[in-house]
Amino acid sequence: RVSVLGCVSPGVEAGCLIITDNVSGKAYQISSAVPKPD
């Protein structure tokens, strides 16, 4: 389990959602979030 504080952005592929950790800069794919952050 990971905890992230970061900004959400659309992924390169349509329908993908990414969050980038403000501390580490690591990106995670969060497309399964319900509801999805905007």
All heavy atoms as atom14 arrays in JSON, in Angstrom:
{
  "sequence": "RVSVLGCVSPGVEAGCLIITDNVSGKAYQISSAVPKPD",
  "atom14_mask": [
    [1, 1, 1, 1, 1, 1, 1, 1, 1, 1, 1, 0, 0, 0],
    [1, 1, 1, 1, 1, 1, 1, 0, 0, 0, 0, 0, 0, 0],
    [1, 1, 1, 1, 1, 1, 0, 0, 0, 0, 0, 0, 0, 0],
    [1, 1, 1, 1, 1, 1, 1, 0, 0, 0, 0, 0, 0, 0],
    [1, 1, 1, 1, 1, 1, 1, 1, 0, 0, 0, 0, 0, 0],
    [1, 1, 1, 1, 0, 0, 0, 0, 0, 0, 0, 0, 0, 0],
    [1, 1, 1, 1, 1, 1, 0, 0, 0, 0, 0, 0, 0, 0],
    [1, 1, 1, 1, 1, 1, 1, 0, 0, 0, 0, 0, 0, 0],
    [1, 1, 1, 1, 1, 1, 0, 0, 0, 0, 0, 0, 0, 0],
    [1, 1, 1, 1, 1, 1, 1, 0, 0, 0, 0, 0, 0, 0],
    [1, 1, 1, 1, 0, 0, 0, 0, 0, 0, 0, 0, 0, 0],
    [1, 1, 1, 1, 1, 1, 1, 0, 0, 0, 0, 0, 0, 0],
    [1, 1, 1, 1, 1, 1, 1, 1, 1, 0, 0, 0, 0, 0],
    [1, 1, 1, 1, 1, 0, 0, 0, 0, 0, 0, 0, 0, 0],
    [1, 1, 1, 1, 0, 0, 0, 0, 0, 0, 0, 0, 0, 0],
    [1, 1, 1, 1, 1, 1, 0, 0, 0, 0, 0, 0, 0, 0],
    [1, 1, 1, 1, 1, 1, 1, 1, 0, 0, 0, 0, 0, 0],
    [1, 1, 1, 1, 1, 1, 1, 1, 0, 0, 0, 0, 0, 0],
    [1, 1, 1, 1, 1, 1, 1, 1, 0, 0, 0, 0, 0, 0],
    [1, 1, 1, 1, 1, 1, 1, 0, 0, 0, 0, 0, 0, 0],
    [1, 1, 1, 1, 1, 1, 1, 1, 0, 0, 0, 0, 0, 0],
    [1, 1, 1, 1, 1, 1, 1, 1, 0, 0, 0, 0, 0, 0],
    [1, 1, 1, 1, 1, 1, 1, 0, 0, 0, 0, 0, 0, 0],
    [1, 1, 1, 1, 1, 1, 0, 0, 0, 0, 0, 0, 0, 0],
    [1, 1, 1, 1, 0, 0, 0, 0, 0, 0, 0, 0, 0, 0],
    [1, 1, 1, 1, 1, 1, 1, 1, 1, 0, 0, 0, 0, 0],
    [1, 1, 1, 1, 1, 0, 0, 0, 0, 0, 0, 0, 0, 0],
    [1, 1, 1, 1, 1, 1, 1, 1, 1, 1, 1, 1, 0, 0],
    [1, 1, 1, 1, 1, 1, 1, 1, 1, 0, 0, 0, 0, 0],
    [1, 1, 1, 1, 1, 1, 1, 1, 0, 0, 0, 0, 0, 0],
    [1, 1, 1, 1, 1, 1, 0, 0, 0, 0, 0, 0, 0, 0],
    [1, 1, 1, 1, 1, 1, 0, 0, 0, 0, 0, 0, 0, 0],
    [1, 1, 1, 1, 1, 0, 0, 0, 0, 0, 0, 0, 0, 0],
    [1, 1, 1, 1, 1, 1, 1, 0, 0, 0, 0, 0, 0, 0],
    [1, 1, 1, 1, 1, 1, 1, 0, 0, 0, 0, 0, 0, 0],
    [1, 1, 1, 1, 1, 1, 1, 1, 1, 0, 0, 0, 0, 0],
    [1, 1, 1, 1, 1, 1, 1, 0, 0, 0, 0, 0, 0, 0],
    [1, 1, 1, 1, 1, 1, 1, 1, 0, 0, 0, 0, 0, 0]
  ],
  "atom14_positions": [
    [[0.87, -1.18, 0.0], [0.0, 0.0, 0.0], [0.9, 1.23, 0.0], [1.89, 1.27, 0.73], [-0.89, -0.04, 1.24], [-1.97, 1.0, 1.23], [-3.33, 0.34, 1.4], [-4.38, 1.34, 1.35], [-5.26, 1.41, 0.39], [-5.24, 0.52, -0.58], [-6.19, 2.33, 0.38], [0.0, 0.0, 0.0], [0.0, 0.0, 0.0], [0.0, 0.0, 0.0]],
    [[0.58, 2.21, -0.83], [1.36, 3.44, -0.9], [0.47, 4.65, -0.62], [-0.73, 4.61, -0.87], [2.05, 3.62, -2.27], [3.08, 2.53, -2.51], [1.05, 3.65, -3.41], [0.0, 0.0, 0.0], [0.0, 0.0, 0.0], [0.0, 0.0, 0.0], [0.0, 0.0, 0.0], [0.0, 0.0, 0.0], [0.0, 0.0, 0.0], [0.0, 0.0, 0.0]],
    [[1.07, 5.7, -0.09], [0.39, 6.97, 0.1], [1.1, 8.01, -0.74], [2.34, 8.07, -0.76], [0.43, 7.38, 1.57], [-0.31, 6.49, 2.35], [0.0, 0.0, 0.0], [0.0, 0.0, 0.0], [0.0, 0.0, 0.0], [0.0, 0.0, 0.0], [0.0, 0.0, 0.0], [0.0, 0.0, 0.0], [0.0, 0.0, 0.0], [0.0, 0.0, 0.0]],
    [[0.33, 8.81, -1.45], [0.88, 9.78, -2.39], [0.2, 11.13, -2.16], [-1.0, 11.2, -1.95], [0.63, 9.32, -3.86], [1.17, 10.33, -4.85], [1.23, 7.95, -4.11], [0.0, 0.0, 0.0], [0.0, 0.0, 0.0], [0.0, 0.0, 0.0], [0.0, 0.0, 0.0], [0.0, 0.0, 0.0], [0.0, 0.0, 0.0], [0.0, 0.0, 0.0]],
    [[1.0, 12.17, -2.21], [0.49, 13.53, -2.21], [0.99, 14.13, -3.51], [2.2, 14.3, -3.69], [1.02, 14.31, -1.01], [0.45, 15.69, -0.78], [-1.03, 15.61, -0.42], [1.21, 16.41, 0.32], [0.0, 0.0, 0.0], [0.0, 0.0, 0.0], [0.0, 0.0, 0.0], [0.0, 0.0, 0.0], [0.0, 0.0, 0.0], [0.0, 0.0, 0.0]],
    [[0.08, 14.39, -4.47], [0.55, 14.82, -5.77], [-0.55, 15.35, -6.66], [-1.7, 15.5, -6.26], [0.0, 0.0, 0.0], [0.0, 0.0, 0.0], [0.0, 0.0, 0.0], [0.0, 0.0, 0.0], [0.0, 0.0, 0.0], [0.0, 0.0, 0.0], [0.0, 0.0, 0.0], [0.0, 0.0, 0.0], [0.0, 0.0, 0.0], [0.0, 0.0, 0.0]],
    [[-0.15, 15.62, -7.89], [-1.05, 16.19, -8.88], [-1.48, 15.13, -9.88], [-0.69, 14.29, -10.29], [-0.36, 17.35, -9.6], [-0.03, 18.72, -8.47], [0.0, 0.0, 0.0], [0.0, 0.0, 0.0], [0.0, 0.0, 0.0], [0.0, 0.0, 0.0], [0.0, 0.0, 0.0], [0.0, 0.0, 0.0], [0.0, 0.0, 0.0], [0.0, 0.0, 0.0]],
    [[-2.74, 15.2, -10.25], [-3.34, 14.25, -11.19], [-3.29, 14.85, -12.59], [-3.51, 16.04, -12.77], [-4.8, 13.95, -10.78], [-5.47, 13.04, -11.77], [-4.83, 13.34, -9.39], [0.0, 0.0, 0.0], [0.0, 0.0, 0.0], [0.0, 0.0, 0.0], [0.0, 0.0, 0.0], [0.0, 0.0, 0.0], [0.0, 0.0, 0.0], [0.0, 0.0, 0.0]],
    [[-3.02, 14.01, -13.56], [-3.01, 14.45, -14.95], [-3.52, 13.32, -15.84], [-3.46, 12.16, -15.47], [-1.6, 14.86, -15.38], [-0.72, 13.76, -15.26], [0.0, 0.0, 0.0], [0.0, 0.0, 0.0], [0.0, 0.0, 0.0], [0.0, 0.0, 0.0], [0.0, 0.0, 0.0], [0.0, 0.0, 0.0], [0.0, 0.0, 0.0], [0.0, 0.0, 0.0]],
    [[-4.02, 13.7, -17.03], [-4.41, 12.64, -17.96], [-3.17, 11.9, -18.43], [-2.09, 12.49, -18.55], [-5.05, 13.4, -19.13], [-5.08, 14.83, -18.77], [-4.26, 15.02, -17.53], [0.0, 0.0, 0.0], [0.0, 0.0, 0.0], [0.0, 0.0, 0.0], [0.0, 0.0, 0.0], [0.0, 0.0, 0.0], [0.0, 0.0, 0.0], [0.0, 0.0, 0.0]],
    [[-3.32, 10.62, -18.69], [-2.2, 9.85, -19.2], [-2.0, 10.09, -20.69], [-2.76, 10.81, -21.34], [0.0, 0.0, 0.0], [0.0, 0.0, 0.0], [0.0, 0.0, 0.0], [0.0, 0.0, 0.0], [0.0, 0.0, 0.0], [0.0, 0.0, 0.0], [0.0, 0.0, 0.0], [0.0, 0.0, 0.0], [0.0, 0.0, 0.0], [0.0, 0.0, 0.0]],
    [[-0.94, 9.5, -21.21], [-0.64, 9.62, -22.64], [-1.73, 8.95, -23.47], [-2.15, 9.47, -24.49], [0.75, 9.0, -22.95], [1.03, 9.01, -24.44], [1.84, 9.73, -22.19], [0.0, 0.0, 0.0], [0.0, 0.0, 0.0], [0.0, 0.0, 0.0], [0.0, 0.0, 0.0], [0.0, 0.0, 0.0], [0.0, 0.0, 0.0], [0.0, 0.0, 0.0]],
    [[-2.21, 7.81, -22.99], [-3.28, 7.08, -23.68], [-4.64, 7.59, -23.2], [-4.81, 7.93, -22.03], [-3.17, 5.58, -23.41], [-1.87, 4.95, -23.86], [-1.69, 4.93, -25.36], [-2.7, 4.97, -26.09], [-0.54, 4.87, -25.82], [0.0, 0.0, 0.0], [0.0, 0.0, 0.0], [0.0, 0.0, 0.0], [0.0, 0.0, 0.0], [0.0, 0.0, 0.0]],
    [[-5.61, 7.63, -24.09], [-6.96, 8.1, -23.75], [-7.55, 7.24, -22.63], [-7.42, 6.02, -22.64], [-7.86, 8.04, -24.97], [0.0, 0.0, 0.0], [0.0, 0.0, 0.0], [0.0, 0.0, 0.0], [0.0, 0.0, 0.0], [0.0, 0.0, 0.0], [0.0, 0.0, 0.0], [0.0, 0.0, 0.0], [0.0, 0.0, 0.0], [0.0, 0.0, 0.0]],
    [[-8.17, 7.9, -21.66], [-8.81, 7.19, -20.56], [-7.9, 6.87, -19.4], [-8.35, 6.36, -18.38], [0.0, 0.0, 0.0], [0.0, 0.0, 0.0], [0.0, 0.0, 0.0], [0.0, 0.0, 0.0], [0.0, 0.0, 0.0], [0.0, 0.0, 0.0], [0.0, 0.0, 0.0], [0.0, 0.0, 0.0], [0.0, 0.0, 0.0], [0.0, 0.0, 0.0]],
    [[-6.62, 7.16, -19.52], [-5.68, 6.87, -18.44], [-5.55, 8.08, -17.53], [-5.61, 9.22, -17.97], [-4.31, 6.51, -19.01], [-4.34, 4.98, -19.97], [0.0, 0.0, 0.0], [0.0, 0.0, 0.0], [0.0, 0.0, 0.0], [0.0, 0.0, 0.0], [0.0, 0.0, 0.0], [0.0, 0.0, 0.0], [0.0, 0.0, 0.0], [0.0, 0.0, 0.0]],
    [[-5.36, 7.81, -16.24], [-5.22, 8.87, -15.25], [-3.98, 8.57, -14.42], [-3.81, 7.45, -13.94], [-6.48, 8.91, -14.37], [-6.76, 10.16, -13.6], [-6.85, 11.39, -14.51], [-8.05, 10.01, -12.81], [0.0, 0.0, 0.0], [0.0, 0.0, 0.0], [0.0, 0.0, 0.0], [0.0, 0.0, 0.0], [0.0, 0.0, 0.0], [0.0, 0.0, 0.0]],
    [[-3.14, 9.58, -14.23], [-1.86, 9.43, -13.58], [-1.77, 10.4, -12.41], [-2.24, 11.53, -12.51], [-0.7, 9.74, -14.57], [-0.85, 8.94, -15.88], [0.67, 9.52, -13.94], [-0.85, 7.45, -15.72], [0.0, 0.0, 0.0], [0.0, 0.0, 0.0], [0.0, 0.0, 0.0], [0.0, 0.0, 0.0], [0.0, 0.0, 0.0], [0.0, 0.0, 0.0]],
    [[-1.14, 9.97, -11.3], [-0.79, 10.9, -10.23], [0.72, 10.85, -10.07], [1.33, 9.78, -10.14], [-1.5, 10.57, -8.9], [-1.24, 11.68, -7.88], [-1.08, 9.22, -8.35], [-2.13, 11.63, -6.65], [0.0, 0.0, 0.0], [0.0, 0.0, 0.0], [0.0, 0.0, 0.0], [0.0, 0.0, 0.0], [0.0, 0.0, 0.0], [0.0, 0.0, 0.0]],
    [[1.33, 12.03, -9.93], [2.77, 12.13, -9.75], [3.04, 12.61, -8.34], [2.56, 13.68, -7.93], [3.38, 13.11, -10.77], [3.02, 12.65, -12.09], [4.88, 13.15, -10.65], [0.0, 0.0, 0.0], [0.0, 0.0, 0.0], [0.0, 0.0, 0.0], [0.0, 0.0, 0.0], [0.0, 0.0, 0.0], [0.0, 0.0, 0.0], [0.0, 0.0, 0.0]],
    [[3.8, 11.82, -7.59], [4.13, 12.13, -6.2], [4.97, 13.41, -6.14], [5.99, 13.51, -6.83], [4.88, 10.96, -5.58], [5.08, 11.1, -4.09], [5.57, 12.16, -3.64], [4.77, 10.15, -3.37], [0.0, 0.0, 0.0], [0.0, 0.0, 0.0], [0.0, 0.0, 0.0], [0.0, 0.0, 0.0], [0.0, 0.0, 0.0], [0.0, 0.0, 0.0]],
    [[4.55, 14.38, -5.33], [5.27, 15.65, -5.21], [6.66, 15.49, -4.6], [7.55, 16.3, -4.86], [4.47, 16.65, -4.37], [3.32, 17.25, -5.12], [3.19, 17.09, -6.34], [2.45, 17.94, -4.41], [0.0, 0.0, 0.0], [0.0, 0.0, 0.0], [0.0, 0.0, 0.0], [0.0, 0.0, 0.0], [0.0, 0.0, 0.0], [0.0, 0.0, 0.0]],
    [[6.88, 14.45, -3.79], [8.17, 14.27, -3.13], [9.14, 13.48, -4.01], [10.24, 13.94, -4.29], [7.98, 13.56, -1.76], [9.32, 13.27, -1.11], [7.12, 14.4, -0.85], [0.0, 0.0, 0.0], [0.0, 0.0, 0.0], [0.0, 0.0, 0.0], [0.0, 0.0, 0.0], [0.0, 0.0, 0.0], [0.0, 0.0, 0.0], [0.0, 0.0, 0.0]],
    [[8.71, 12.3, -4.45], [9.63, 11.42, -5.18], [9.61, 11.64, -6.69], [10.54, 11.25, -7.38], [9.27, 9.95, -4.92], [8.02, 9.63, -5.51], [0.0, 0.0, 0.0], [0.0, 0.0, 0.0], [0.0, 0.0, 0.0], [0.0, 0.0, 0.0], [0.0, 0.0, 0.0], [0.0, 0.0, 0.0], [0.0, 0.0, 0.0], [0.0, 0.0, 0.0]],
    [[8.55, 12.25, -7.21], [8.41, 12.42, -8.66], [7.93, 11.17, -9.36], [7.78, 11.15, -10.58], [0.0, 0.0, 0.0], [0.0, 0.0, 0.0], [0.0, 0.0, 0.0], [0.0, 0.0, 0.0], [0.0, 0.0, 0.0], [0.0, 0.0, 0.0], [0.0, 0.0, 0.0], [0.0, 0.0, 0.0], [0.0, 0.0, 0.0], [0.0, 0.0, 0.0]],
    [[7.65, 10.12, -8.6], [7.21, 8.85, -9.18], [5.76, 8.95, -9.62], [4.93, 9.53, -8.93], [7.37, 7.73, -8.16], [7.13, 6.36, -8.73], [7.57, 5.28, -7.79], [7.42, 3.93, -8.48], [8.01, 2.86, -7.71], [0.0, 0.0, 0.0], [0.0, 0.0, 0.0], [0.0, 0.0, 0.0], [0.0, 0.0, 0.0], [0.0, 0.0, 0.0]],
    [[5.45, 8.37, -10.79], [4.09, 8.38, -11.34], [3.42, 7.04, -11.06], [4.06, 5.99, -11.12], [4.14, 8.65, -12.83], [0.0, 0.0, 0.0], [0.0, 0.0, 0.0], [0.0, 0.0, 0.0], [0.0, 0.0, 0.0], [0.0, 0.0, 0.0], [0.0, 0.0, 0.0], [0.0, 0.0, 0.0], [0.0, 0.0, 0.0], [0.0, 0.0, 0.0]],
    [[2.12, 7.1, -10.76], [1.3, 5.92, -10.55], [0.07, 6.02, -11.43], [-0.48, 7.1, -11.61], [0.85, 5.81, -9.08], [1.98, 5.62, -8.11], [2.58, 6.72, -7.52], [2.43, 4.35, -7.77], [3.62, 6.57, -6.62], [3.47, 4.18, -6.88], [4.06, 5.29, -6.3], [5.09, 5.13, -5.41], [0.0, 0.0, 0.0], [0.0, 0.0, 0.0]],
    [[-0.39, 4.9, -11.94], [-1.57, 4.85, -12.79], [-2.79, 4.61, -11.9], [-2.84, 3.63, -11.15], [-1.39, 3.74, -13.82], [-2.34, 3.81, -14.98], [-3.46, 2.81, -14.83], [-3.25, 1.66, -14.56], [-4.66, 3.27, -15.01], [0.0, 0.0, 0.0], [0.0, 0.0, 0.0], [0.0, 0.0, 0.0], [0.0, 0.0, 0.0], [0.0, 0.0, 0.0]],
    [[-3.76, 5.56, -11.91], [-4.9, 5.51, -10.99], [-6.24, 5.47, -11.73], [-7.25, 5.93, -11.21], [-4.86, 6.68, -10.0], [-4.91, 8.03, -10.72], [-3.64, 6.59, -9.1], [-5.19, 9.21, -9.81], [0.0, 0.0, 0.0], [0.0, 0.0, 0.0], [0.0, 0.0, 0.0], [0.0, 0.0, 0.0], [0.0, 0.0, 0.0], [0.0, 0.0, 0.0]],
    [[-6.27, 4.91, -12.89], [-7.49, 4.88, -13.7], [-8.63, 4.1, -13.05], [-9.79, 4.28, -13.41], [-7.2, 4.3, -15.08], [-6.24, 5.09, -15.74], [0.0, 0.0, 0.0], [0.0, 0.0, 0.0], [0.0, 0.0, 0.0], [0.0, 0.0, 0.0], [0.0, 0.0, 0.0], [0.0, 0.0, 0.0], [0.0, 0.0, 0.0], [0.0, 0.0, 0.0]],
    [[-8.32, 3.24, -12.06], [-9.38, 2.46, -11.42], [-10.06, 3.22, -10.28], [-10.98, 2.69, -9.66], [-8.81, 1.14, -10.89], [-7.93, 1.38, -9.8], [0.0, 0.0, 0.0], [0.0, 0.0, 0.0], [0.0, 0.0, 0.0], [0.0, 0.0, 0.0], [0.0, 0.0, 0.0], [0.0, 0.0, 0.0], [0.0, 0.0, 0.0], [0.0, 0.0, 0.0]],
    [[-9.65, 4.45, -10.01], [-10.27, 5.23, -8.92], [-11.74, 5.51, -9.24], [-12.09, 5.85, -10.36], [-9.53, 6.56, -8.75], [0.0, 0.0, 0.0], [0.0, 0.0, 0.0], [0.0, 0.0, 0.0], [0.0, 0.0, 0.0], [0.0, 0.0, 0.0], [0.0, 0.0, 0.0], [0.0, 0.0, 0.0], [0.0, 0.0, 0.0], [0.0, 0.0, 0.0]],
    [[-12.6, 5.34, -8.22], [-14.03, 5.61, -8.37], [-14.48, 6.37, -7.13], [-14.4, 5.84, -6.03], [-14.85, 4.32, -8.5], [-16.33, 4.62, -8.58], [-14.41, 3.51, -9.71], [0.0, 0.0, 0.0], [0.0, 0.0, 0.0], [0.0, 0.0, 0.0], [0.0, 0.0, 0.0], [0.0, 0.0, 0.0], [0.0, 0.0, 0.0], [0.0, 0.0, 0.0]],
    [[-14.92, 7.61, -7.27], [-14.91, 8.41, -8.49], [-13.48, 8.83, -8.82], [-12.58, 8.7, -7.99], [-15.77, 9.62, -8.12], [-15.6, 9.76, -6.64], [-15.45, 8.35, -6.12], [0.0, 0.0, 0.0], [0.0, 0.0, 0.0], [0.0, 0.0, 0.0], [0.0, 0.0, 0.0], [0.0, 0.0, 0.0], [0.0, 0.0, 0.0], [0.0, 0.0, 0.0]],
    [[-13.28, 9.35, -10.0], [-11.95, 9.76, -10.44], [-11.7, 11.22, -10.06], [-12.58, 12.05, -10.2], [-11.83, 9.61, -11.95], [-11.92, 8.18, -12.42], [-11.76, 8.08, -13.91], [-11.95, 6.69, -14.45], [-11.6, 5.58, -13.65], [0.0, 0.0, 0.0], [0.0, 0.0, 0.0], [0.0, 0.0, 0.0], [0.0, 0.0, 0.0], [0.0, 0.0, 0.0]],
    [[-10.48, 11.54, -9.58], [-10.14, 12.94, -9.36], [-10.11, 13.68, -10.69], [-9.75, 13.11, -11.72], [-8.76, 12.9, -8.71], [-8.35, 11.48, -8.62], [-9.41, 10.63, -9.21], [0.0, 0.0, 0.0], [0.0, 0.0, 0.0], [0.0, 0.0, 0.0], [0.0, 0.0, 0.0], [0.0, 0.0, 0.0], [0.0, 0.0, 0.0], [0.0, 0.0, 0.0]],
    [[-10.47, 14.96, -10.68], [-10.53, 15.76, -11.89], [-9.26, 16.58, -12.07], [-9.02, 17.52, -11.3], [-11.74, 16.7, -11.81], [-11.94, 17.53, -13.05], [-11.15, 17.39, -14.02], [-12.88, 18.34, -13.06], [0.0, 0.0, 0.0], [0.0, 0.0, 0.0], [0.0, 0.0, 0.0], [0.0, 0.0, 0.0], [0.0, 0.0, 0.0], [0.0, 0.0, 0.0]]
  ]
}
